[in-house]
PDB file of N, CA and C in Angstrom:
ATOM      1  N   MET A   1     108.554  31.116 -85.962  1.00  0.00           N
ATOM      2  CA  MET A   1     107.236  30.928 -85.401  1.00  0.00           C
ATOM      3  C   MET A   1     107.059  29.179 -84.558  1.00  0.00           C
ATOM      4  N   GLU A   2     107.326  28.126 -85.469  1.00  0.00           N
ATOM      5  CA  GLU A   2     106.551  26.962 -85.168  1.00  0.00           C
ATOM      6  C   GLU A   2     107.713  26.979 -83.970  1.00  0.00           C
ATOM      7  N   GLN A   3     108.989  26.743 -84.076  1.00  0.00           N
ATOM      8  CA  GLN A   3     109.708  26.415 -82.847  1.00  0.00           C
ATOM      9  C   GLN A   3     108.899  27.137 -81.411  1.00  0.00           C
ATOM     10  N   THR A   4     108.665  28.172 -81.547  1.00  0.00           N
ATOM     11  CA  THR A   4     108.186  28.793 -79.989  1.00  0.00           C
ATOM     12  C   THR A   4     107.031  27.889 -79.956  1.00  0.00           C
ATOM     13  N   ALA A   5     106.090  27.622 -80.657  1.00  0.00           N
ATOM     14  CA  ALA A   5     104.536  26.911 -80.740  1.00  0.00           C
ATOM     15  C   ALA A   5     104.960  25.666 -79.867  1.00  0.00           C
ATOM     16  N   GLU A   6     106.147  24.874 -80.149  1.00  0.00           N
ATOM     17  CA  GLU A   6     106.592  23.527 -80.368  1.00  0.00           C
ATOM     18  C   GLU A   6     106.898  23.707 -78.453  1.00  0.00           C
ATOM     19  N   MET A   7     107.504  24.598 -78.221  1.00  0.00           N
ATOM     20  CA  MET A   7     108.263  24.964 -77.113  1.00  0.00           C
ATOM     21  C   MET A   7     107.486  25.020 -75.986  1.00  0.00           C
ATOM     22  N   ILE A   8     106.136  25.440 -76.224  1.00  0.00           N
ATOM     23  CA  ILE A   8     104.868  26.137 -75.232  1.00  0.00           C
ATOM     24  C   ILE A   8     104.417  24.727 -74.048  1.00  0.00           C
ATOM     25  N   PRO A   9     104.306  23.423 -74.991  1.00  0.00           N
ATOM     26  CA  PRO A   9     103.814  22.282 -74.154  1.00  0.00           C
ATOM     27  C   PRO A   9     104.825  22.336 -73.371  1.00  0.00           C
ATOM     28  N   GLU A  10     106.347  22.001 -73.620  1.00  0.00           N
ATOM     29  CA  GLU A  10     107.670  21.634 -72.716  1.00  0.00           C
ATOM     30  C   GLU A  10     107.613  22.750 -71.901  1.00  0.00           C
ATOM     31  N   VAL A  11     107.681  24.193 -71.993  1.00  0.00           N
ATOM     32  CA  VAL A  11     107.482  24.932 -71.122  1.00  0.00           C
ATOM     33  C   VAL A  11     106.692  24.716 -70.163  1.00  0.00           C
ATOM     34  N   ARG A  12     105.277  24.640 -70.336  1.00  0.00           N
ATOM     35  CA  ARG A  12     104.459  24.758 -69.407  1.00  0.00           C
ATOM     36  C   ARG A  12     104.737  23.510 -68.574  1.00  0.00           C
ATOM     37  N   CYS A  13     104.752  22.375 -68.934  1.00  0.00           N
ATOM     38  CA  CYS A  13     105.204  21.082 -68.384  1.00  0.00           C
ATOM     39  C   CYS A  13     106.401  21.122 -67.278  1.00  0.00           C
ATOM     40  N   ARG A  14     107.313  21.965 -67.726  1.00  0.00           N
ATOM     41  CA  ARG A  14     108.601  22.569 -66.864  1.00  0.00           C
ATOM     42  C   ARG A  14     107.992  23.282 -65.298  1.00  0.00           C
ATOM     43  N   LEU A  15     107.031  24.144 -65.410  1.00  0.00           N
ATOM     44  CA  LEU A  15     106.390  24.950 -64.919  1.00  0.00           C
ATOM     45  C   LEU A  15     105.739  24.309 -63.974  1.00  0.00           C
ATOM     46  N   ARG A  16     104.907  23.490 -64.552  1.00  0.00           N
ATOM     47  CA  ARG A  16     103.871  22.419 -63.684  1.00  0.00           C
ATOM     48  C   ARG A  16     105.057  21.714 -62.529  1.00  0.00           C
ATOM     49  N   ASP A  17     106.124  20.927 -63.231  1.00  0.00           N
ATOM     50  CA  ASP A  17     107.443  20.422 -62.495  1.00  0.00           C
ATOM     51  C   ASP A  17     107.603  21.464 -61.107  1.00  0.00           C
ATOM     52  N   LEU A  18     107.650  22.599 -61.311  1.00  0.00           N
ATOM     53  CA  LEU A  18     108.688  23.934 -60.677  1.00  0.00           C
ATOM     54  C   LEU A  18     107.314  23.798 -60.056  1.00  0.00           C
ATOM     55  N   ASN A  19     106.225  24.170 -60.216  1.00  0.00           N
ATOM     56  CA  ASN A  19     104.905  24.379 -59.211  1.00  0.00           C
ATOM     57  C   ASN A  19     104.982  23.143 -58.494  1.00  0.00           C
ATOM     58  N   THR A  20     105.023  22.002 -58.725  1.00  0.00           N
ATOM     59  CA  THR A  20     104.514  21.131 -57.943  1.00  0.00           C
ATOM     60  C   THR A  20     105.802  20.718 -56.512  1.00  0.00           C
ATOM     61  N   LYS A  21     107.075  20.946 -57.077  1.00  0.00           N
ATOM     62  CA  LYS A  21     108.538  21.136 -56.381  1.00  0.00           C
ATOM     63  C   LYS A  21     107.967  21.943 -54.984  1.00  0.00           C
ATOM     64  N   ALA A  22     107.852  23.407 -55.760  1.00  0.00           N
ATOM     65  CA  ALA A  22     107.307  24.746 -54.862  1.00  0.00           C
ATOM     66  C   ALA A  22     106.587  24.360 -53.676  1.00  0.00           C
ATOM     67  N   TYR A  23     105.445  23.760 -54.163  1.00  0.00           N
ATOM     68  CA  TYR A  23     104.580  23.238 -53.403  1.00  0.00           C
ATOM     69  C   TYR A  23     104.769  22.440 -52.288  1.00  0.00           C
ATOM     70  N   TYR A  24     105.437  21.127 -52.297  1.00  0.00           N
ATOM     71  CA  TYR A  24     105.887  20.935 -51.320  1.00  0.00           C
ATOM     72  C   TYR A  24     106.365  21.201 -50.840  1.00  0.00           C
ATOM     73  N   LEU A  25     107.689  22.064 -50.922  1.00  0.00           N
ATOM     74  CA  LEU A  25     108.348  22.770 -50.246  1.00  0.00           C
ATOM     75  C   LEU A  25     107.657  23.554 -49.052  1.00  0.00           C
ATOM     76  N   LEU A  26     107.063  24.156 -49.693  1.00  0.00           N
ATOM     77  CA  LEU A  26     106.094  25.004 -48.621  1.00  0.00           C
ATOM     78  C   LEU A  26     105.491  24.328 -47.563  1.00  0.00           C
ATOM     79  N   VAL A  27     105.309  23.271 -48.033  1.00  0.00           N
ATOM     80  CA  VAL A  27     103.959  22.194 -46.945  1.00  0.00           C
ATOM     81  C   VAL A  27     105.068  21.915 -46.235  1.00  0.00           C
ATOM     82  N   ALA A  28     106.404  21.323 -46.525  1.00  0.00           N
ATOM     83  CA  ALA A  28     107.188  20.840 -45.620  1.00  0.00           C
ATOM     84  C   ALA A  28     107.784  21.950 -44.709  1.00  0.00           C
ATOM     85  N   LEU A  29     108.063  22.919 -45.234  1.00  0.00           N
ATOM     86  CA  LEU A  29     109.018  24.117 -44.251  1.00  0.00           C
ATOM     87  C   LEU A  29     107.784  24.665 -43.261  1.00  0.00           C
ATOM     88  N   SER A  30     106.297  24.985 -44.031  1.00  0.00           N
ATOM     89  CA  SER A  30     105.675  25.148 -42.785  1.00  0.00           C
ATOM     90  C   SER A  30     105.254  24.377 -41.376  1.00  0.00           C
ATOM     91  N   PHE A  31     105.370  23.211 -41.904  1.00  0.00           N
ATOM     92  CA  PHE A  31     105.442  22.085 -40.719  1.00  0.00           C
ATOM     93  C   PHE A  31     106.309  22.383 -39.774  1.00  0.00           C
ATOM     94  N   ILE A  32     107.750  22.612 -40.852  1.00  0.00           N
ATOM     95  CA  ILE A  32     109.108  23.139 -39.945  1.00  0.00           C
ATOM     96  C   ILE A  32     109.254  23.761 -38.827  1.00  0.00           C
ATOM     97  N   TYR A  33     108.503  24.937 -39.445  1.00  0.00           N
ATOM     98  CA  TYR A  33     108.444  26.511 -39.063  1.00  0.00           C
ATOM     99  C   TYR A  33     107.675  26.805 -37.889  1.00  0.00           C
ATOM    100  N   GLY A  34     106.737  25.913 -38.509  1.00  0.00           N
ATOM    101  CA  GLY A  34     105.545  26.123 -37.279  1.00  0.00           C
ATOM    102  C   GLY A  34     105.204  26.057 -36.355  1.00  0.00           C
ATOM    103  N   ARG A  35     106.361  25.287 -35.791  1.00  0.00           N
ATOM    104  CA  ARG A  35     106.458  24.575 -34.706  1.00  0.00           C
ATOM    105  C   ARG A  35     107.483  25.400 -33.696  1.00  0.00           C
ATOM    106  N   GLY A  36     107.435  26.214 -32.552  1.00  0.00           N
ATOM    107  CA  GLY A  36     108.440  27.012 -31.638  1.00  0.00           C
ATOM    108  C   GLY A  36     109.459  26.385 -30.937  1.00  0.00           C
ATOM    109  N   ASN A  37     109.959  25.356 -31.492  1.00  0.00           N
ATOM    110  CA  ASN A  37     111.357  24.722 -30.635  1.00  0.00           C
ATOM    111  C   ASN A  37     112.290  25.023 -30.862  1.00  0.00           C
ATOM    112  N   GLU A  38     112.870  26.079 -29.903  1.00  0.00           N
ATOM    113  CA  GLU A  38     114.224  27.090 -30.409  1.00  0.00           C
ATOM    114  C   GLU A  38     115.423  25.665 -30.568  1.00  0.00           C
ATOM    115  N   GLY A  39     115.146  24.547 -29.917  1.00  0.00           N
ATOM    116  CA  GLY A  39     116.518  23.489 -29.575  1.00  0.00           C
ATOM    117  C   GLY A  39     116.488  22.749 -31.347  1.00  0.00           C
ATOM    118  N   ALA A  40     115.601  23.046 -32.247  1.00  0.00           N
ATOM    119  CA  ALA A  40     115.238  22.616 -33.389  1.00  0.00           C
ATOM    120  C   ALA A  40     116.357  23.553 -34.296  1.00  0.00           C
ATOM    121  N   CYS A  41     116.739  24.395 -34.097  1.00  0.00           N
ATOM    122  CA  CYS A  41     117.202  25.823 -34.936  1.00  0.00           C
ATOM    123  C   CYS A  41     118.330  24.852 -36.092  1.00  0.00           C
ATOM    124  N   SER A  42     119.045  24.374 -35.566  1.00  0.00           N
ATOM    125  CA  SER A  42     120.232  23.416 -36.690  1.00  0.00           C
ATOM    126  C   SER A  42     119.414  22.535 -37.346  1.00  0.00           C
ATOM    127  N   LEU A  43     118.336  21.489 -36.742  1.00  0.00           N
ATOM    128  CA  LEU A  43     117.726  20.834 -37.742  1.00  0.00           C
ATOM    129  C   LEU A  43     116.619  21.536 -38.701  1.00  0.00           C
ATOM    130  N   LYS A  44     116.585  22.754 -38.286  1.00  0.00           N
ATOM    131  CA  LYS A  44     115.329  23.750 -39.498  1.00  0.00           C
ATOM    132  C   LYS A  44     116.656  23.918 -40.456  1.00  0.00           C
ATOM    133  N   ILE A  45     117.678  24.736 -39.805  1.00  0.00           N
ATOM    134  CA  ILE A  45     118.505  25.109 -41.220  1.00  0.00           C
ATOM    135  C   ILE A  45     119.036  23.706 -41.802  1.00  0.00           C
ATOM    136  N   ALA A  46     119.191  22.664 -41.400  1.00  0.00           N
ATOM    137  CA  ALA A  46     119.182  21.687 -42.393  1.00  0.00           C
ATOM    138  C   ALA A  46     118.581  20.962 -42.949  1.00  0.00           C
ATOM    139  N   LEU A  47     117.242  20.958 -42.928  1.00  0.00           N
ATOM    140  CA  LEU A  47     116.433  20.898 -43.627  1.00  0.00           C
ATOM    141  C   LEU A  47     115.872  21.951 -44.750  1.00  0.00           C
ATOM    142  N   SER A  48     116.202  22.944 -44.680  1.00  0.00           N
ATOM    143  CA  SER A  48     116.204  24.456 -45.134  1.00  0.00           C
ATOM    144  C   SER A  48     117.606  24.115 -46.551  1.00  0.00           C
ATOM    145  N   LEU A  49     118.388  23.751 -45.746  1.00  0.00           N
ATOM    146  CA  LEU A  49     119.703  23.727 -47.194  1.00  0.00           C
ATOM    147  C   LEU A  49     119.421  22.128 -47.703  1.00  0.00           C
ATOM    148  N   THR A  50     119.049  21.091 -47.265  1.00  0.00           N
ATOM    149  CA  THR A  50     118.273  20.269 -48.023  1.00  0.00           C
ATOM    150  C   THR A  50     117.507  20.434 -49.197  1.00  0.00           C
ATOM    151  N   ALA A  51     116.066  21.330 -48.925  1.00  0.00           N
ATOM    152  CA  ALA A  51     115.399  21.938 -49.806  1.00  0.00           C
ATOM    153  C   ALA A  51     115.619  22.056 -50.760  1.00  0.00           C
ATOM    154  N   VAL A  52     116.313  23.441 -50.700  1.00  0.00           N
ATOM    155  CA  VAL A  52     116.906  24.696 -51.508  1.00  0.00           C
ATOM    156  C   VAL A  52     117.626  23.781 -52.650  1.00  0.00           C
ATOM    157  N   SER A  53     118.584  22.184 -52.119  1.00  0.00           N
ATOM    158  CA  SER A  53     119.193  21.788 -53.195  1.00  0.00           C
ATOM    159  C   SER A  53     118.387  20.688 -53.750  1.00  0.00           C
ATOM    160  N   ALA A  54     117.337  20.229 -53.339  1.00  0.00           N
ATOM    161  CA  ALA A  54     116.563  19.397 -54.048  1.00  0.00           C
ATOM    162  C   ALA A  54     115.396  20.505 -55.135  1.00  0.00           C
ATOM    163  N   VAL A  55     115.284  21.330 -54.604  1.00  0.00           N
ATOM    164  CA  VAL A  55     114.082  22.010 -55.699  1.00  0.00           C
ATOM    165  C   VAL A  55     114.912  22.693 -56.304  1.00  0.00           C
ATOM    166  N   LEU A  56     116.311  23.268 -56.498  1.00  0.00           N
ATOM    167  CA  LEU A  56     116.984  24.249 -57.339  1.00  0.00           C
ATOM    168  C   LEU A  56     116.555  23.793 -58.863  1.00  0.00           C
ATOM    169  N   PRO A  57     116.087  24.442 -59.673  1.00  0.00           N
ATOM    170  CA  PRO A  57     116.312  24.116 -60.933  1.00  0.00           C
ATOM    171  C   PRO A  57     116.958  23.698 -61.815  1.00  0.00           C
ATOM    172  N   VAL A  58     117.905  22.963 -61.774  1.00  0.00           N
ATOM    173  CA  VAL A  58     119.350  22.666 -62.630  1.00  0.00           C
ATOM    174  C   VAL A  58     119.093  22.582 -64.042  1.00  0.00           C
ATOM    175  N   GLN A  59     118.134  22.326 -64.746  1.00  0.00           N
ATOM    176  CA  GLN A  59     117.791  22.491 -66.050  1.00  0.00           C
ATOM    177  C   GLN A  59     117.567  23.835 -66.423  1.00  0.00           C
ATOM    178  N   ASP A  60     116.696  24.858 -65.556  1.00  0.00           N
ATOM    179  CA  ASP A  60     116.828  25.750 -66.364  1.00  0.00           C
ATOM    180  C   ASP A  60     117.600  26.802 -66.124  1.00  0.00           C
ATOM    181  N   LEU A  61     118.684  26.674 -64.718  1.00  0.00           N
ATOM    182  CA  LEU A  61     119.809  27.440 -64.972  1.00  0.00           C
ATOM    183  C   LEU A  61     120.880  27.387 -65.249  1.00  0.00           C
ATOM    184  N   ALA A  62     121.331  26.088 -65.624  1.00  0.00           N
ATOM    185  CA  ALA A  62     122.334  25.232 -66.036  1.00  0.00           C
ATOM    186  C   ALA A  62     122.332  25.767 -67.997  1.00  0.00           C
ATOM    187  N   LYS A  63     122.742  26.383 -68.340  1.00  0.00           N
ATOM    188  CA  LYS A  63     123.399  26.905 -69.811  1.00  0.00           C
ATOM    189  C   LYS A  63     124.795  26.127 -70.483  1.00  0.00           C
ATOM    190  N   THR A  64     125.761  26.213 -69.833  1.00  0.00           N
ATOM    191  CA  THR A  64     126.754  25.418 -70.097  1.00  0.00           C
ATOM    192  C   THR A  64     127.380  24.255 -69.020  1.00  0.00           C
ATOM    193  N   ILE A  65     128.008  24.059 -69.620  1.00  0.00           N
ATOM    194  CA  ILE A  65     128.748  22.572 -68.681  1.00  0.00           C
ATOM    195  C   ILE A  65     129.552  23.337 -67.473  1.00  0.00           C
ATOM    196  N   THR A  66     129.924  24.511 -67.790  1.00  0.00           N
ATOM    197  CA  THR A  66     130.577  25.345 -66.528  1.00  0.00           C
ATOM    198  C   THR A  66     129.601  25.624 -65.421  1.00  0.00           C
ATOM    199  N   SER A  67     128.429  26.231 -65.820  1.00  0.00           N
ATOM    200  CA  SER A  67     127.615  26.491 -64.710  1.00  0.00           C
ATOM    201  C   SER A  67     126.734  25.382 -63.905  1.00  0.00           C
ATOM    202  N   LEU A  68     127.029  24.159 -65.117  1.00  0.00           N
ATOM    203  CA  LEU A  68     126.502  23.366 -64.325  1.00  0.00           C
ATOM    204  C   LEU A  68     127.479  22.411 -63.268  1.00  0.00           C
ATOM    205  N   ARG A  69     128.330  22.522 -63.260  1.00  0.00           N
ATOM    206  CA  ARG A  69     129.514  22.375 -62.364  1.00  0.00           C
ATOM    207  C   ARG A  69     129.203  23.385 -61.367  1.00  0.00           C
ATOM    208  N   ILE A  70     129.144  24.455 -61.548  1.00  0.00           N
ATOM    209  CA  ILE A  70     129.617  25.119 -60.203  1.00  0.00           C
ATOM    210  C   ILE A  70     127.921  24.852 -59.406  1.00  0.00           C
ATOM    211  N   ILE A  71     126.956  24.651 -60.119  1.00  0.00           N
ATOM    212  CA  ILE A  71     125.516  24.864 -59.411  1.00  0.00           C
ATOM    213  C   ILE A  71     125.442  23.200 -58.618  1.00  0.00           C
ATOM    214  N   GLN A  72     126.236  22.400 -59.208  1.00  0.00           N
ATOM    215  CA  GLN A  72     126.459  20.901 -58.671  1.00  0.00           C
ATOM    216  C   GLN A  72     127.382  20.879 -57.818  1.00  0.00           C
ATOM    217  N   GLU A  73     128.297  21.671 -57.703  1.00  0.00           N
ATOM    218  CA  GLU A  73     129.035  22.292 -56.501  1.00  0.00           C
ATOM    219  C   GLU A  73     128.361  22.401 -55.008  1.00  0.00           C
ATOM    220  N   GLY A  74     127.933  23.623 -55.505  1.00  0.00           N
ATOM    221  CA  GLY A  74     126.754  24.586 -54.675  1.00  0.00           C
ATOM    222  C   GLY A  74     125.788  23.602 -54.044  1.00  0.00           C
ATOM    223  N   LYS A  75     125.351  22.436 -54.721  1.00  0.00           N
ATOM    224  CA  LYS A  75     124.515  21.505 -54.225  1.00  0.00           C
ATOM    225  C   LYS A  75     125.353  20.471 -53.112  1.00  0.00           C
ATOM    226  N   ILE A  76     126.249  20.358 -53.496  1.00  0.00           N
ATOM    227  CA  ILE A  76     127.290  19.375 -52.701  1.00  0.00           C
ATOM    228  C   ILE A  76     127.682  20.042 -51.235  1.00  0.00           C
ATOM    229  N   VAL A  77     128.079  21.329 -51.486  1.00  0.00           N
ATOM    230  CA  VAL A  77     128.072  22.475 -50.211  1.00  0.00           C
ATOM    231  C   VAL A  77     126.985  22.266 -49.614  1.00  0.00           C
ATOM    232  N   CYS A  78     125.856  22.111 -50.064  1.00  0.00           N
ATOM    233  CA  CYS A  78     124.291  22.841 -49.355  1.00  0.00           C
ATOM    234  C   CYS A  78     124.222  21.541 -48.605  1.00  0.00           C
ATOM    235  N   LEU A  79     124.476  20.428 -49.255  1.00  0.00           N
ATOM    236  CA  LEU A  79     124.377  18.924 -48.590  1.00  0.00           C
ATOM    237  C   LEU A  79     124.808  18.740 -47.378  1.00  0.00           C
ATOM    238  N   THR A  80     126.622  19.072 -47.522  1.00  0.00           N
ATOM    239  CA  THR A  80     127.610  18.744 -46.857  1.00  0.00           C
ATOM    240  C   THR A  80     126.841  19.155 -45.221  1.00  0.00           C
ATOM    241  N   LEU A  81     126.670  20.690 -45.612  1.00  0.00           N
ATOM    242  CA  LEU A  81     126.296  21.814 -44.538  1.00  0.00           C
ATOM    243  C   LEU A  81     125.087  21.000 -43.704  1.00  0.00           C
ATOM    244  N   ALA A  82     124.070  20.507 -44.778  1.00  0.00           N
ATOM    245  CA  ALA A  82     123.209  19.908 -43.848  1.00  0.00           C
ATOM    246  C   ALA A  82     123.245  18.623 -43.459  1.00  0.00           C
ATOM    247  N   LEU A  83     124.321  18.008 -43.772  1.00  0.00           N
ATOM    248  CA  LEU A  83     124.308  16.511 -42.982  1.00  0.00           C
ATOM    249  C   LEU A  83     125.175  17.228 -41.465  1.00  0.00           C
ATOM    250  N   ILE A  84     126.341  18.478 -41.622  1.00  0.00           N
ATOM    251  CA  ILE A  84     126.466  18.770 -40.453  1.00  0.00           C
ATOM    252  C   ILE A  84     125.390  19.064 -39.507  1.00  0.00           C
ATOM    253  N   PHE A  85     124.763  19.826 -39.594  1.00  0.00           N
ATOM    254  CA  PHE A  85     123.820  20.525 -38.770  1.00  0.00           C
ATOM    255  C   PHE A  85     122.692  19.335 -38.514  1.00  0.00           C
ATOM    256  N   THR A  86     122.647  18.176 -39.004  1.00  0.00           N
ATOM    257  CA  THR A  86     121.960  17.430 -39.114  1.00  0.00           C
ATOM    258  C   THR A  86     122.477  16.639 -37.898  1.00  0.00           C
ATOM    259  N   LEU A  87     123.863  16.130 -38.084  1.00  0.00           N
ATOM    260  CA  LEU A  87     124.566  15.419 -37.011  1.00  0.00           C
ATOM    261  C   LEU A  87     124.727  16.337 -35.443  1.00  0.00           C
ATOM    262  N   TYR A  88     125.108  17.687 -36.053  1.00  0.00           N
ATOM    263  CA  TYR A  88     125.199  18.197 -34.352  1.00  0.00           C
ATOM    264  C   TYR A  88     123.605  18.396 -33.662  1.00  0.00           C
ATOM    265  N   TRP A  89     122.514  18.399 -34.612  1.00  0.00           N
ATOM    266  CA  TRP A  89     121.173  18.053 -33.860  1.00  0.00           C
ATOM    267  C   TRP A  89     121.129  16.816 -33.035  1.00  0.00           C
ATOM    268  N   ILE A  90     121.696  16.019 -33.853  1.00  0.00           N
ATOM    269  CA  ILE A  90     121.147  14.302 -33.188  1.00  0.00           C
ATOM    270  C   ILE A  90     122.291  14.240 -31.817  1.00  0.00           C
ATOM    271  N   THR A  91     123.261  14.678 -32.103  1.00  0.00           N
ATOM    272  CA  THR A  91     124.520  14.546 -31.125  1.00  0.00           C
ATOM    273  C   THR A  91     124.101  15.309 -29.797  1.00  0.00           C
ATOM    274  N   PHE A  92     123.811  16.781 -29.716  1.00  0.00           N
ATOM    275  CA  PHE A  92     124.017  17.618 -28.749  1.00  0.00           C
ATOM    276  C   PHE A  92     122.308  17.778 -28.399  1.00  0.00           C
ATOM    277  N   VAL A  93     121.331  18.618 -29.402  1.00  0.00           N
ATOM    278  CA  VAL A  93     120.198  18.941 -29.129  1.00  0.00           C
ATOM    279  C   VAL A  93     119.060  17.590 -28.898  1.00  0.00           C
ATOM    280  N   ALA A  94     119.023  16.896 -29.563  1.00  0.00           N
ATOM    281  CA  ALA A  94     118.317  15.383 -29.507  1.00  0.00           C
ATOM    282  C   ALA A  94     118.802  14.623 -28.142  1.00  0.00           C
ATOM    283  N   VAL A  95     120.109  14.549 -27.836  1.00  0.00           N
ATOM    284  CA  VAL A  95     120.524  13.721 -26.861  1.00  0.00           C
ATOM    285  C   VAL A  95     120.185  14.409 -25.409  1.00  0.00           C
ATOM    286  N   ALA A  96     120.159  16.328 -25.258  1.00  0.00           N
ATOM    287  CA  ALA A  96     120.364  16.755 -24.447  1.00  0.00           C
ATOM    288  C   ALA A  96     118.611  16.951 -23.805  1.00  0.00           C
ATOM    289  N   SER A  97     117.775  16.762 -25.265  1.00  0.00           N
ATOM    290  CA  SER A  97     116.099  17.203 -24.657  1.00  0.00           C
ATOM    291  C   SER A  97     115.606  15.455 -24.065  1.00  0.00           C
ATOM    292  N   ARG A  98     116.418  14.762 -23.950  1.00  0.00           N
ATOM    293  CA  ARG A  98     115.972  13.513 -23.168  1.00  0.00           C
ATOM    294  C   ARG A  98     115.647  13.470 -21.903  1.00  0.00           C
TER     295      ARG A  98
END
Protein backbone atom coordinates (compact mmCIF):
# COMPACT_ATOMS: atom_id res chain seq x y z
CA MET A 1 0.00 0.00 0.00
CA GLU A 2 2.89 2.37 0.71
CA GLN A 3 4.22 1.97 -2.81
CA THR A 4 0.85 3.04 -4.24
CA ALA A 5 0.72 6.10 -1.99
CA GLU A 6 4.22 7.08 -3.10
CA MET A 7 3.28 6.73 -6.77
CA ILE A 8 0.25 9.04 -6.59
CA PRO A 9 2.23 12.33 -6.70
CA GLU A 10 4.32 10.95 -9.58
CA VAL A 11 1.19 9.97 -11.52
CA ARG A 12 -0.43 13.34 -10.82
CA CYS A 13 2.68 15.14 -12.04
CA ARG A 14 2.75 13.02 -15.20
CA LEU A 15 -0.95 13.65 -15.86
CA ARG A 16 -0.41 17.39 -15.41
CA ASP A 17 2.41 17.26 -17.99
CA LEU A 18 0.24 15.34 -20.45
CA ASN A 19 -2.68 17.71 -19.94
CA THR A 20 -0.42 20.70 -20.60
CA LYS A 21 0.85 19.13 -23.83
CA ALA A 22 -2.70 18.29 -24.91
CA TYR A 23 -3.87 21.85 -24.20
CA TYR A 24 -1.09 23.42 -26.25
CA LEU A 25 -1.72 20.96 -29.05
CA LEU A 26 -5.42 21.82 -29.15
CA VAL A 27 -4.69 25.54 -29.19
CA ALA A 28 -2.18 25.18 -32.02
CA LEU A 29 -4.42 22.92 -34.08
CA SER A 30 -7.41 25.21 -33.59
CA PHE A 31 -5.46 28.04 -35.22
CA ILE A 32 -4.27 25.78 -38.03
CA TYR A 33 -7.59 24.17 -38.83
CA GLY A 34 -9.66 27.25 -38.12
CA ARG A 35 -8.61 28.80 -41.40
CA GLY A 36 -10.30 27.67 -44.59
CA ASN A 37 -7.24 27.82 -46.82
CA GLU A 38 -7.40 24.70 -48.99
CA GLY A 39 -3.89 25.24 -50.31
CA ALA A 40 -2.45 24.72 -46.86
CA CYS A 41 -3.59 21.09 -46.60
CA SER A 42 -0.03 19.78 -46.85
CA LEU A 43 1.08 22.23 -44.16
CA LYS A 44 -1.78 21.11 -41.91
CA ILE A 45 -0.72 17.48 -42.35
CA ALA A 46 2.90 18.38 -41.61
CA LEU A 47 2.01 20.27 -38.44
CA SER A 48 -0.32 17.49 -37.30
CA LEU A 49 2.38 14.86 -37.75
CA THR A 50 4.84 17.04 -35.85
CA ALA A 51 2.34 17.56 -33.06
CA VAL A 52 1.63 13.84 -32.75
CA SER A 53 5.36 13.14 -32.60
CA ALA A 54 5.92 15.80 -29.97
CA VAL A 55 2.98 14.89 -27.75
CA LEU A 56 3.20 11.10 -27.89
CA PRO A 57 3.70 10.02 -24.26
CA VAL A 58 6.72 7.78 -24.73
CA GLN A 59 7.33 7.45 -21.00
CA ASP A 60 3.91 5.90 -20.55
CA LEU A 61 3.89 3.69 -23.62
CA ALA A 62 7.38 2.24 -23.59
CA LYS A 63 7.67 -0.58 -21.10
CA THR A 64 10.52 -2.43 -22.80
CA ILE A 65 13.49 -1.44 -24.92
CA THR A 66 11.79 -3.00 -27.96
CA SER A 67 8.65 -0.91 -27.56
CA LEU A 68 10.82 2.18 -27.06
CA ARG A 69 12.63 1.52 -30.34
CA ILE A 70 9.32 0.97 -32.18
CA ILE A 71 7.93 4.25 -30.85
CA GLN A 72 11.19 6.01 -31.69
CA GLU A 73 11.08 4.70 -35.27
CA GLY A 74 7.44 5.76 -35.56
CA LYS A 75 8.35 9.28 -34.46
CA ILE A 76 11.17 9.39 -37.01
CA VAL A 77 8.76 8.34 -39.76
CA CYS A 78 6.21 10.99 -38.69
CA LEU A 79 8.82 13.74 -38.60
CA THR A 80 10.25 12.67 -41.96
CA LEU A 81 6.78 12.78 -43.52
CA ALA A 82 6.19 16.16 -41.88
CA LEU A 83 9.39 17.46 -43.46
CA ILE A 84 8.34 16.17 -46.87
CA PHE A 85 4.89 17.79 -46.61
CA THR A 86 6.45 21.07 -45.43
CA LEU A 87 8.93 21.12 -48.30
CA TYR A 88 6.10 20.38 -50.73
CA TRP A 89 4.10 23.25 -49.28
CA ILE A 90 7.06 25.64 -49.46
CA THR A 91 7.96 24.61 -53.01
CA PHE A 92 4.56 24.39 -54.69
CA VAL A 93 1.80 25.98 -52.62
CA ALA A 94 3.52 28.98 -51.04
CA VAL A 95 5.34 29.91 -54.25
CA ALA A 96 2.18 29.53 -56.37
CA SER A 97 0.17 31.82 -54.08
CA ARG A 98 2.58 34.75 -54.54
